[in-house]
Amino acid sequence: MTTEAPKPPPQPQRTAADKAERSRLIGGIVIAVIAIWFILANTHKASITFWVVTVTSPMWLTLAGTFLAGMLVSLLLTRTRQRKARQ
Protein backbone atom coordinates (compact mmCIF):
# COMPACT_ATOMS: atom_id res chain seq x y z
CA MET A 1 0.00 0.00 0.00
CA THR A 2 1.52 3.32 -1.09
CA THR A 3 0.29 6.67 -0.01
CA GLU A 4 0.75 9.58 -2.30
CA ALA A 5 1.51 12.98 -0.92
CA PRO A 6 -1.39 15.35 -1.47
CA LYS A 7 -0.83 17.75 -4.33
CA PRO A 8 -0.58 21.39 -3.33
CA PRO A 9 -3.40 23.57 -4.64
CA PRO A 10 -2.56 25.33 -7.90
CA GLN A 11 -1.09 28.79 -7.51
CA PRO A 12 -3.21 31.56 -9.00
CA GLN A 13 -1.58 33.28 -11.96
CA ARG A 14 -0.06 36.64 -11.14
CA THR A 15 -1.53 39.43 -13.18
CA ALA A 16 0.32 42.39 -14.64
CA ALA A 17 -1.14 44.56 -11.86
CA ASP A 18 0.30 42.20 -9.22
CA LYS A 19 3.71 42.31 -10.90
CA ALA A 20 3.59 46.12 -11.14
CA GLU A 21 2.64 46.37 -7.46
CA ARG A 22 5.55 44.13 -6.49
CA SER A 23 7.96 46.13 -8.67
CA ARG A 24 6.81 49.39 -7.06
CA LEU A 25 7.27 47.88 -3.61
CA ILE A 26 10.79 46.68 -4.39
CA GLY A 27 11.66 50.03 -5.98
CA GLY A 28 10.32 51.89 -2.94
CA ILE A 29 12.34 49.72 -0.58
CA VAL A 30 15.52 50.26 -2.62
CA ILE A 31 14.98 54.04 -2.67
CA ALA A 32 14.27 54.10 1.08
CA VAL A 33 17.44 52.09 1.86
CA ILE A 34 19.58 54.39 -0.32
CA ALA A 35 18.02 57.49 1.26
CA ILE A 36 18.61 56.18 4.79
CA TRP A 37 22.21 55.32 3.94
CA PHE A 38 22.72 58.81 2.47
CA ILE A 39 21.15 60.44 5.53
CA LEU A 40 23.34 58.46 7.93
CA ALA A 41 26.47 59.28 5.93
CA ASN A 42 25.88 63.06 6.21
CA THR A 43 26.10 63.98 9.87
CA HIS A 44 27.74 67.42 9.77
CA LYS A 45 25.86 70.68 10.37
CA ALA A 46 24.39 72.70 7.53
CA SER A 47 23.02 76.21 7.20
CA ILE A 48 19.71 76.46 5.39
CA THR A 49 18.18 79.73 4.26
CA PHE A 50 14.40 80.01 4.04
CA TRP A 51 13.84 83.29 2.17
CA VAL A 52 14.82 85.51 5.12
CA VAL A 53 15.62 83.18 8.01
CA THR A 54 18.82 81.13 8.18
CA VAL A 55 18.70 77.96 10.27
CA THR A 56 21.61 75.72 11.25
CA SER A 57 20.73 72.08 11.86
CA PRO A 58 22.32 68.65 11.47
CA MET A 59 22.38 67.62 7.83
CA TRP A 60 20.75 64.25 8.62
CA LEU A 61 17.73 66.06 10.05
CA THR A 62 17.43 68.23 6.95
CA LEU A 63 17.72 65.24 4.62
CA ALA A 64 15.23 63.18 6.63
CA GLY A 65 12.73 66.04 6.57
CA THR A 66 13.15 66.47 2.82
CA PHE A 67 12.73 62.73 2.24
CA LEU A 68 9.57 62.61 4.38
CA ALA A 69 8.14 65.68 2.63
CA GLY A 70 8.76 64.01 -0.74
CA MET A 71 7.02 60.84 0.43
CA LEU A 72 4.03 62.88 1.64
CA VAL A 73 3.72 64.74 -1.67
CA SER A 74 3.96 61.45 -3.57
CA LEU A 75 1.27 59.89 -1.38
CA LEU A 76 -1.06 62.87 -1.83
CA LEU A 77 -0.59 62.93 -5.61
CA THR A 78 -1.18 59.18 -5.87
CA ARG A 79 -4.38 59.37 -3.82
CA THR A 80 -5.66 62.28 -5.93
CA ARG A 81 -4.95 60.37 -9.13
CA GLN A 82 -6.74 57.27 -7.77
CA ARG A 83 -9.81 59.31 -6.81
CA LYS A 84 -10.02 60.83 -10.31
CA ALA A 85 -9.69 57.37 -11.88
CA ARG A 86 -12.64 56.07 -9.82
CA GLN A 87 -14.98 58.87 -10.92
PDB file of N, CA and C in Angstrom:
ATOM      1  N   MET A   1       0.839  -1.159   0.000  1.00  0.00           N
ATOM      2  CA  MET A   1       0.000   0.000   0.000  1.00  0.00           C
ATOM      3  C   MET A   1       0.904   1.248   0.000  1.00  0.00           C
ATOM      4  N   THR A   2       0.743   2.088  -1.006  1.00  0.00           N
ATOM      5  CA  THR A   2       1.515   3.315  -1.093  1.00  0.00           C
ATOM      6  C   THR A   2       0.585   4.506  -0.894  1.00  0.00           C
ATOM      7  N   THR A   3       1.086   5.450  -0.193  1.00  0.00           N
ATOM      8  CA  THR A   3       0.294   6.670  -0.009  1.00  0.00           C
ATOM      9  C   THR A   3       0.983   7.793  -0.762  1.00  0.00           C
ATOM     10  N   GLU A   4       0.205   8.458  -1.550  1.00  0.00           N
ATOM     11  CA  GLU A   4       0.754   9.585  -2.304  1.00  0.00           C
ATOM     12  C   GLU A   4       0.595  10.858  -1.491  1.00  0.00           C
ATOM     13  N   ALA A   5       1.588  11.689  -1.599  1.00  0.00           N
ATOM     14  CA  ALA A   5       1.511  12.977  -0.916  1.00  0.00           C
ATOM     15  C   ALA A   5       0.440  13.815  -1.610  1.00  0.00           C
ATOM     16  N   PRO A   6      -0.361  14.526  -0.832  1.00  0.00           N
ATOM     17  CA  PRO A   6      -1.391  15.355  -1.471  1.00  0.00           C
ATOM     18  C   PRO A   6      -0.744  16.451  -2.308  1.00  0.00           C
ATOM     19  N   LYS A   7      -1.351  16.713  -3.442  1.00  0.00           N
ATOM     20  CA  LYS A   7      -0.835  17.752  -4.331  1.00  0.00           C
ATOM     21  C   LYS A   7      -1.197  19.119  -3.753  1.00  0.00           C
ATOM     22  N   PRO A   8      -0.256  20.047  -3.818  1.00  0.00           N
ATOM     23  CA  PRO A   8      -0.584  21.389  -3.328  1.00  0.00           C
ATOM     24  C   PRO A   8      -1.594  22.037  -4.284  1.00  0.00           C
ATOM     25  N   PRO A   9      -2.431  22.915  -3.765  1.00  0.00           N
ATOM     26  CA  PRO A   9      -3.398  23.573  -4.643  1.00  0.00           C
ATOM     27  C   PRO A   9      -2.674  24.411  -5.685  1.00  0.00           C
ATOM     28  N   PRO A  10      -3.239  24.550  -6.867  1.00  0.00           N
ATOM     29  CA  PRO A  10      -2.561  25.332  -7.902  1.00  0.00           C
ATOM     30  C   PRO A  10      -2.454  26.799  -7.492  1.00  0.00           C
ATOM     31  N   GLN A  11      -1.320  27.381  -7.816  1.00  0.00           N
ATOM     32  CA  GLN A  11      -1.088  28.788  -7.506  1.00  0.00           C
ATOM     33  C   GLN A  11      -1.846  29.648  -8.516  1.00  0.00           C
ATOM     34  N   PRO A  12      -2.534  30.686  -8.043  1.00  0.00           N
ATOM     35  CA  PRO A  12      -3.212  31.564  -9.001  1.00  0.00           C
ATOM     36  C   PRO A  12      -2.174  32.333  -9.823  1.00  0.00           C
ATOM     37  N   GLN A  13      -2.495  32.552 -11.073  1.00  0.00           N
ATOM     38  CA  GLN A  13      -1.582  33.277 -11.956  1.00  0.00           C
ATOM     39  C   GLN A  13      -1.476  34.730 -11.512  1.00  0.00           C
ATOM     40  N   ARG A  14      -0.251  35.242 -11.504  1.00  0.00           N
ATOM     41  CA  ARG A  14      -0.059  36.643 -11.135  1.00  0.00           C
ATOM     42  C   ARG A  14      -0.355  37.519 -12.332  1.00  0.00           C
ATOM     43  N   THR A  15      -1.156  38.521 -12.103  1.00  0.00           N
ATOM     44  CA  THR A  15      -1.535  39.427 -13.181  1.00  0.00           C
ATOM     45  C   THR A  15      -0.479  40.511 -13.336  1.00  0.00           C
ATOM     46  N   ALA A  16      -0.613  41.289 -14.400  1.00  0.00           N
ATOM     47  CA  ALA A  16       0.316  42.395 -14.637  1.00  0.00           C
ATOM     48  C   ALA A  16       0.225  43.418 -13.511  1.00  0.00           C
ATOM     49  N   ALA A  17      -0.976  43.615 -12.971  1.00  0.00           N
ATOM     50  CA  ALA A  17      -1.138  44.565 -11.865  1.00  0.00           C
ATOM     51  C   ALA A  17      -0.395  44.078 -10.620  1.00  0.00           C
ATOM     52  N   ASP A  18      -0.434  42.760 -10.366  1.00  0.00           N
ATOM     53  CA  ASP A  18       0.303  42.204  -9.224  1.00  0.00           C
ATOM     54  C   ASP A  18       1.810  42.397  -9.407  1.00  0.00           C
ATOM     55  N   LYS A  19       2.282  42.150 -10.614  1.00  0.00           N
ATOM     56  CA  LYS A  19       3.712  42.308 -10.896  1.00  0.00           C
ATOM     57  C   LYS A  19       4.132  43.768 -10.772  1.00  0.00           C
ATOM     58  N   ALA A  20       3.283  44.690 -11.250  1.00  0.00           N
ATOM     59  CA  ALA A  20       3.594  46.119 -11.145  1.00  0.00           C
ATOM     60  C   ALA A  20       3.623  46.553  -9.687  1.00  0.00           C
ATOM     61  N   GLU A  21       2.687  46.050  -8.893  1.00  0.00           N
ATOM     62  CA  GLU A  21       2.640  46.372  -7.465  1.00  0.00           C
ATOM     63  C   GLU A  21       3.910  45.884  -6.775  1.00  0.00           C
ATOM     64  N   ARG A  22       4.331  44.682  -7.094  1.00  0.00           N
ATOM     65  CA  ARG A  22       5.549  44.127  -6.492  1.00  0.00           C
ATOM     66  C   ARG A  22       6.778  44.935  -6.918  1.00  0.00           C
ATOM     67  N   SER A  23       6.831  45.331  -8.188  1.00  0.00           N
ATOM     68  CA  SER A  23       7.963  46.130  -8.671  1.00  0.00           C
ATOM     69  C   SER A  23       8.016  47.479  -7.968  1.00  0.00           C
ATOM     70  N   ARG A  24       6.853  48.113  -7.779  1.00  0.00           N
ATOM     71  CA  ARG A  24       6.812  49.392  -7.064  1.00  0.00           C
ATOM     72  C   ARG A  24       7.271  49.224  -5.619  1.00  0.00           C
ATOM     73  N   LEU A  25       6.872  48.137  -4.986  1.00  0.00           N
ATOM     74  CA  LEU A  25       7.272  47.882  -3.608  1.00  0.00           C
ATOM     75  C   LEU A  25       8.782  47.702  -3.515  1.00  0.00           C
ATOM     76  N   ILE A  26       9.343  46.900  -4.393  1.00  0.00           N
ATOM     77  CA  ILE A  26      10.791  46.676  -4.394  1.00  0.00           C
ATOM     78  C   ILE A  26      11.526  47.977  -4.687  1.00  0.00           C
ATOM     79  N   GLY A  27      11.045  48.740  -5.662  1.00  0.00           N
ATOM     80  CA  GLY A  27      11.658  50.035  -5.982  1.00  0.00           C
ATOM     81  C   GLY A  27      11.602  50.991  -4.803  1.00  0.00           C
ATOM     82  N   GLY A  28      10.460  51.020  -4.114  1.00  0.00           N
ATOM     83  CA  GLY A  28      10.325  51.888  -2.942  1.00  0.00           C
ATOM     84  C   GLY A  28      11.269  51.490  -1.831  1.00  0.00           C
ATOM     85  N   ILE A  29      11.426  50.198  -1.618  1.00  0.00           N
ATOM     86  CA  ILE A  29      12.343  49.722  -0.581  1.00  0.00           C
ATOM     87  C   ILE A  29      13.780  50.091  -0.934  1.00  0.00           C
ATOM     88  N   VAL A  30      14.161  49.919  -2.187  1.00  0.00           N
ATOM     89  CA  VAL A  30      15.525  50.262  -2.622  1.00  0.00           C
ATOM     90  C   VAL A  30      15.784  51.758  -2.429  1.00  0.00           C
ATOM     91  N   ILE A  31      14.825  52.592  -2.829  1.00  0.00           N
ATOM     92  CA  ILE A  31      14.981  54.042  -2.669  1.00  0.00           C
ATOM     93  C   ILE A  31      15.074  54.411  -1.195  1.00  0.00           C
ATOM     94  N   ALA A  32      14.246  53.800  -0.350  1.00  0.00           N
ATOM     95  CA  ALA A  32      14.272  54.098   1.079  1.00  0.00           C
ATOM     96  C   ALA A  32      15.616  53.700   1.695  1.00  0.00           C
ATOM     97  N   VAL A  33      16.149  52.544   1.315  1.00  0.00           N
ATOM     98  CA  VAL A  33      17.439  52.095   1.856  1.00  0.00           C
ATOM     99  C   VAL A  33      18.554  53.047   1.427  1.00  0.00           C
ATOM    100  N   ILE A  34      18.554  53.454   0.164  1.00  0.00           N
ATOM    101  CA  ILE A  34      19.583  54.387  -0.322  1.00  0.00           C
ATOM    102  C   ILE A  34      19.459  55.728   0.392  1.00  0.00           C
ATOM    103  N   ALA A  35      18.225  56.208   0.570  1.00  0.00           N
ATOM    104  CA  ALA A  35      18.017  57.489   1.258  1.00  0.00           C
ATOM    105  C   ALA A  35      18.483  57.412   2.702  1.00  0.00           C
ATOM    106  N   ILE A  36      18.175  56.325   3.389  1.00  0.00           N
ATOM    107  CA  ILE A  36      18.606  56.175   4.792  1.00  0.00           C
ATOM    108  C   ILE A  36      20.122  56.113   4.877  1.00  0.00           C
ATOM    109  N   TRP A  37      20.742  55.387   3.971  1.00  0.00           N
ATOM    110  CA  TRP A  37      22.207  55.315   3.944  1.00  0.00           C
ATOM    111  C   TRP A  37      22.806  56.707   3.710  1.00  0.00           C
ATOM    112  N   PHE A  38      22.236  57.460   2.772  1.00  0.00           N
ATOM    113  CA  PHE A  38      22.723  58.805   2.468  1.00  0.00           C
ATOM    114  C   PHE A  38      22.552  59.725   3.673  1.00  0.00           C
ATOM    115  N   ILE A  39      21.410  59.616   4.344  1.00  0.00           N
ATOM    116  CA  ILE A  39      21.154  60.441   5.529  1.00  0.00           C
ATOM    117  C   ILE A  39      22.163  60.129   6.627  1.00  0.00           C
ATOM    118  N   LEU A  40      22.401  58.845   6.873  1.00  0.00           N
ATOM    119  CA  LEU A  40      23.338  58.458   7.935  1.00  0.00           C
ATOM    120  C   LEU A  40      24.785  58.825   7.608  1.00  0.00           C
ATOM    121  N   ALA A  41      25.109  58.943   6.326  1.00  0.00           N
ATOM    122  CA  ALA A  41      26.472  59.279   5.930  1.00  0.00           C
ATOM    123  C   ALA A  41      26.751  60.782   6.053  1.00  0.00           C
ATOM    124  N   ASN A  42      25.716  61.603   6.141  1.00  0.00           N
ATOM    125  CA  ASN A  42      25.878  63.056   6.212  1.00  0.00           C
ATOM    126  C   ASN A  42      25.450  63.544   7.593  1.00  0.00           C
ATOM    127  N   THR A  43      26.421  63.642   8.489  1.00  0.00           N
ATOM    128  CA  THR A  43      26.096  63.982   9.874  1.00  0.00           C
ATOM    129  C   THR A  43      26.575  65.381  10.276  1.00  0.00           C
ATOM    130  N   HIS A  44      27.244  66.089   9.394  1.00  0.00           N
ATOM    131  CA  HIS A  44      27.737  67.419   9.766  1.00  0.00           C
ATOM    132  C   HIS A  44      26.587  68.440   9.794  1.00  0.00           C
ATOM    133  N   LYS A  45      26.884  69.630  10.295  1.00  0.00           N
ATOM    134  CA  LYS A  45      25.861  70.676  10.375  1.00  0.00           C
ATOM    135  C   LYS A  45      25.793  71.435   9.051  1.00  0.00           C
ATOM    136  N   ALA A  46      24.591  71.947   8.766  1.00  0.00           N
ATOM    137  CA  ALA A  46      24.392  72.698   7.534  1.00  0.00           C
ATOM    138  C   ALA A  46      23.555  73.933   7.827  1.00  0.00           C
ATOM    139  N   SER A  47      23.825  74.998   7.095  1.00  0.00           N
ATOM    140  CA  SER A  47      23.023  76.211   7.200  1.00  0.00           C
ATOM    141  C   SER A  47      22.026  76.227   6.054  1.00  0.00           C
ATOM    142  N   ILE A  48      20.778  76.453   6.386  1.00  0.00           N
ATOM    143  CA  ILE A  48      19.714  76.458   5.385  1.00  0.00           C
ATOM    144  C   ILE A  48      19.023  77.810   5.456  1.00  0.00           C
ATOM    145  N   THR A  49      18.831  78.434   4.309  1.00  0.00           N
ATOM    146  CA  THR A  49      18.178  79.729   4.263  1.00  0.00           C
ATOM    147  C   THR A  49      16.783  79.572   3.692  1.00  0.00           C
ATOM    148  N   PHE A  50      15.785  79.972   4.471  1.00  0.00           N
ATOM    149  CA  PHE A  50      14.395  80.009   4.036  1.00  0.00           C
ATOM    150  C   PHE A  50      14.044  81.475   3.809  1.00  0.00           C
ATOM    151  N   TRP A  51      14.107  81.906   2.578  1.00  0.00           N
ATOM    152  CA  TRP A  51      13.837  83.287   2.173  1.00  0.00           C
ATOM    153  C   TRP A  51      14.593  84.293   3.027  1.00  0.00           C
ATOM    154  N   VAL A  52      14.205  84.485   4.278  1.00  0.00           N
ATOM    155  CA  VAL A  52      14.818  85.507   5.120  1.00  0.00           C
ATOM    156  C   VAL A  52      15.571  84.881   6.291  1.00  0.00           C
ATOM    157  N   VAL A  53      15.075  83.807   6.808  1.00  0.00           N
ATOM    158  CA  VAL A  53      15.623  83.180   8.006  1.00  0.00           C
ATOM    159  C   VAL A  53      16.680  82.138   7.634  1.00  0.00           C
ATOM    160  N   THR A  54      17.789  82.155   8.355  1.00  0.00           N
ATOM    161  CA  THR A  54      18.819  81.131   8.176  1.00  0.00           C
ATOM    162  C   THR A  54      18.832  80.243   9.420  1.00  0.00           C
ATOM    163  N   VAL A  55      18.758  78.936   9.191  1.00  0.00           N
ATOM    164  CA  VAL A  55      18.704  77.958  10.275  1.00  0.00           C
ATOM    165  C   VAL A  55      19.893  77.019  10.123  1.00  0.00           C
ATOM    166  N   THR A  56      20.531  76.704  11.248  1.00  0.00           N
ATOM    167  CA  THR A  56      21.608  75.718  11.251  1.00  0.00           C
ATOM    168  C   THR A  56      21.090  74.472  11.967  1.00  0.00           C
ATOM    169  N   SER A  57      21.185  73.340  11.271  1.00  0.00           N
ATOM    170  CA  SER A  57      20.728  72.076  11.857  1.00  0.00           C
ATOM    171  C   SER A  57      21.609  70.950  11.339  1.00  0.00           C
ATOM    172  N   PRO A  58      21.559  69.794  11.994  1.00  0.00           N
ATOM    173  CA  PRO A  58      22.316  68.654  11.471  1.00  0.00           C
ATOM    174  C   PRO A  58      21.813  68.277  10.069  1.00  0.00           C
ATOM    175  N   MET A  59      22.738  67.949   9.206  1.00  0.00           N
ATOM    176  CA  MET A  59      22.376  67.619   7.828  1.00  0.00           C
ATOM    177  C   MET A  59      21.439  66.419   7.770  1.00  0.00           C
ATOM    178  N   TRP A  60      21.612  65.439   8.659  1.00  0.00           N
ATOM    179  CA  TRP A  60      20.749  64.253   8.619  1.00  0.00           C
ATOM    180  C   TRP A  60      19.304  64.635   8.880  1.00  0.00           C
ATOM    181  N   LEU A  61      19.088  65.621   9.752  1.00  0.00           N
ATOM    182  CA  LEU A  61      17.726  66.057  10.048  1.00  0.00           C
ATOM    183  C   LEU A  61      17.106  66.745   8.829  1.00  0.00           C
ATOM    184  N   THR A  62      17.899  67.561   8.155  1.00  0.00           N
ATOM    185  CA  THR A  62      17.429  68.233   6.946  1.00  0.00           C
ATOM    186  C   THR A  62      17.094  67.228   5.859  1.00  0.00           C
ATOM    187  N   LEU A  63      17.967  66.255   5.651  1.00  0.00           N
ATOM    188  CA  LEU A  63      17.723  65.244   4.617  1.00  0.00           C
ATOM    189  C   LEU A  63      16.515  64.376   4.949  1.00  0.00           C
ATOM    190  N   ALA A  64      16.383  63.997   6.220  1.00  0.00           N
ATOM    191  CA  ALA A  64      15.233  63.180   6.628  1.00  0.00           C
ATOM    192  C   ALA A  64      13.934  63.942   6.427  1.00  0.00           C
ATOM    193  N   GLY A  65      13.922  65.221   6.781  1.00  0.00           N
ATOM    194  CA  GLY A  65      12.730  66.042   6.572  1.00  0.00           C
ATOM    195  C   GLY A  65      12.378  66.178   5.100  1.00  0.00           C
ATOM    196  N   THR A  66      13.379  66.362   4.262  1.00  0.00           N
ATOM    197  CA  THR A  66      13.146  66.468   2.825  1.00  0.00           C
ATOM    198  C   THR A  66      12.622  65.155   2.258  1.00  0.00           C
ATOM    199  N   PHE A  67      13.177  64.044   2.698  1.00  0.00           N
ATOM    200  CA  PHE A  67      12.728  62.731   2.242  1.00  0.00           C
ATOM    201  C   PHE A  67      11.278  62.484   2.651  1.00  0.00           C
ATOM    202  N   LEU A  68      10.942  62.803   3.906  1.00  0.00           N
ATOM    203  CA  LEU A  68       9.570  62.607   4.376  1.00  0.00           C
ATOM    204  C   LEU A  68       8.588  63.524   3.654  1.00  0.00           C
ATOM    205  N   ALA A  69       8.998  64.761   3.375  1.00  0.00           N
ATOM    206  CA  ALA A  69       8.139  65.675   2.630  1.00  0.00           C
ATOM    207  C   ALA A  69       7.892  65.146   1.213  1.00  0.00           C
ATOM    208  N   GLY A  70       8.916  64.594   0.589  1.00  0.00           N
ATOM    209  CA  GLY A  70       8.758  64.007  -0.743  1.00  0.00           C
ATOM    210  C   GLY A  70       7.820  62.809  -0.730  1.00  0.00           C
ATOM    211  N   MET A  71       7.930  61.981   0.312  1.00  0.00           N
ATOM    212  CA  MET A  71       7.024  60.837   0.433  1.00  0.00           C
ATOM    213  C   MET A  71       5.584  61.303   0.611  1.00  0.00           C
ATOM    214  N   LEU A  72       5.380  62.353   1.410  1.00  0.00           N
ATOM    215  CA  LEU A  72       4.033  62.877   1.645  1.00  0.00           C
ATOM    216  C   LEU A  72       3.432  63.438   0.359  1.00  0.00           C
ATOM    217  N   VAL A  73       4.207  64.194  -0.394  1.00  0.00           N
ATOM    218  CA  VAL A  73       3.725  64.740  -1.666  1.00  0.00           C
ATOM    219  C   VAL A  73       3.377  63.611  -2.628  1.00  0.00           C
ATOM    220  N   SER A  74       4.223  62.600  -2.700  1.00  0.00           N
ATOM    221  CA  SER A  74       3.957  61.451  -3.570  1.00  0.00           C
ATOM    222  C   SER A  74       2.675  60.737  -3.170  1.00  0.00           C
ATOM    223  N   LEU A  75       2.478  60.545  -1.877  1.00  0.00           N
ATOM    224  CA  LEU A  75       1.270  59.892  -1.380  1.00  0.00           C
ATOM    225  C   LEU A  75       0.026  60.706  -1.733  1.00  0.00           C
ATOM    226  N   LEU A  76       0.085  62.019  -1.528  1.00  0.00           N
ATOM    227  CA  LEU A  76      -1.064  62.869  -1.826  1.00  0.00           C
ATOM    228  C   LEU A  76      -1.381  62.875  -3.325  1.00  0.00           C
ATOM    229  N   LEU A  77      -0.358  62.933  -4.164  1.00  0.00           N
ATOM    230  CA  LEU A  77      -0.589  62.927  -5.612  1.00  0.00           C
ATOM    231  C   LEU A  77      -1.163  61.593  -6.082  1.00  0.00           C
ATOM    232  N   THR A  78      -0.681  60.497  -5.506  1.00  0.00           N
ATOM    233  CA  THR A  78      -1.177  59.175  -5.870  1.00  0.00           C
ATOM    234  C   THR A  78      -2.638  59.023  -5.467  1.00  0.00           C
ATOM    235  N   ARG A  79      -2.990  59.475  -4.278  1.00  0.00           N
ATOM    236  CA  ARG A  79      -4.378  59.371  -3.818  1.00  0.00           C
ATOM    237  C   ARG A  79      -5.305  60.218  -4.680  1.00  0.00           C
ATOM    238  N   THR A  80      -4.849  61.419  -5.078  1.00  0.00           N
ATOM    239  CA  THR A  80      -5.661  62.282  -5.929  1.00  0.00           C
ATOM    240  C   THR A  80      -5.885  61.621  -7.285  1.00  0.00           C
ATOM    241  N   ARG A  81      -4.847  61.031  -7.839  1.00  0.00           N
ATOM    242  CA  ARG A  81      -4.951  60.367  -9.132  1.00  0.00           C
ATOM    243  C   ARG A  81      -5.903  59.160  -9.042  1.00  0.00           C
ATOM    244  N   GLN A  82      -5.846  58.419  -7.943  1.00  0.00           N
ATOM    245  CA  GLN A  82      -6.737  57.266  -7.772  1.00  0.00           C
ATOM    246  C   GLN A  82      -8.185  57.700  -7.644  1.00  0.00           C
ATOM    247  N   ARG A  83      -8.440  58.804  -6.949  1.00  0.00           N
ATOM    248  CA  ARG A  83      -9.813  59.308  -6.815  1.00  0.00           C
ATOM    249  C   ARG A  83     -10.368  59.732  -8.166  1.00  0.00           C
ATOM    250  N   LYS A  84      -9.557  60.409  -8.976  1.00  0.00           N
ATOM    251  CA  LYS A  84     -10.015  60.829 -10.307  1.00  0.00           C
ATOM    252  C   LYS A  84     -10.287  59.630 -11.193  1.00  0.00           C
ATOM    253  N   ALA A  85      -9.506  58.573 -11.052  1.00  0.00           N
ATOM    254  CA  ALA A  85      -9.691  57.369 -11.876  1.00  0.00           C
ATOM    255  C   ALA A  85     -10.997  56.666 -11.517  1.00  0.00           C
ATOM    256  N   ARG A  86     -11.397  56.709 -10.241  1.00  0.00           N
ATOM    257  CA  ARG A  86     -12.644  56.069  -9.818  1.00  0.00           C
ATOM    258  C   ARG A  86     -13.879  56.786 -10.327  1.00  0.00           C
ATOM    259  N   GLN A  87     -13.789  58.089 -10.501  1.00  0.00           N
ATOM    260  CA  GLN A  87     -14.975  58.867 -10.922  1.00  0.00           C
ATOM    261  C   GLN A  87     -15.240  58.764 -12.377  1.00  0.00           C
TER     262      GLN A  87
END
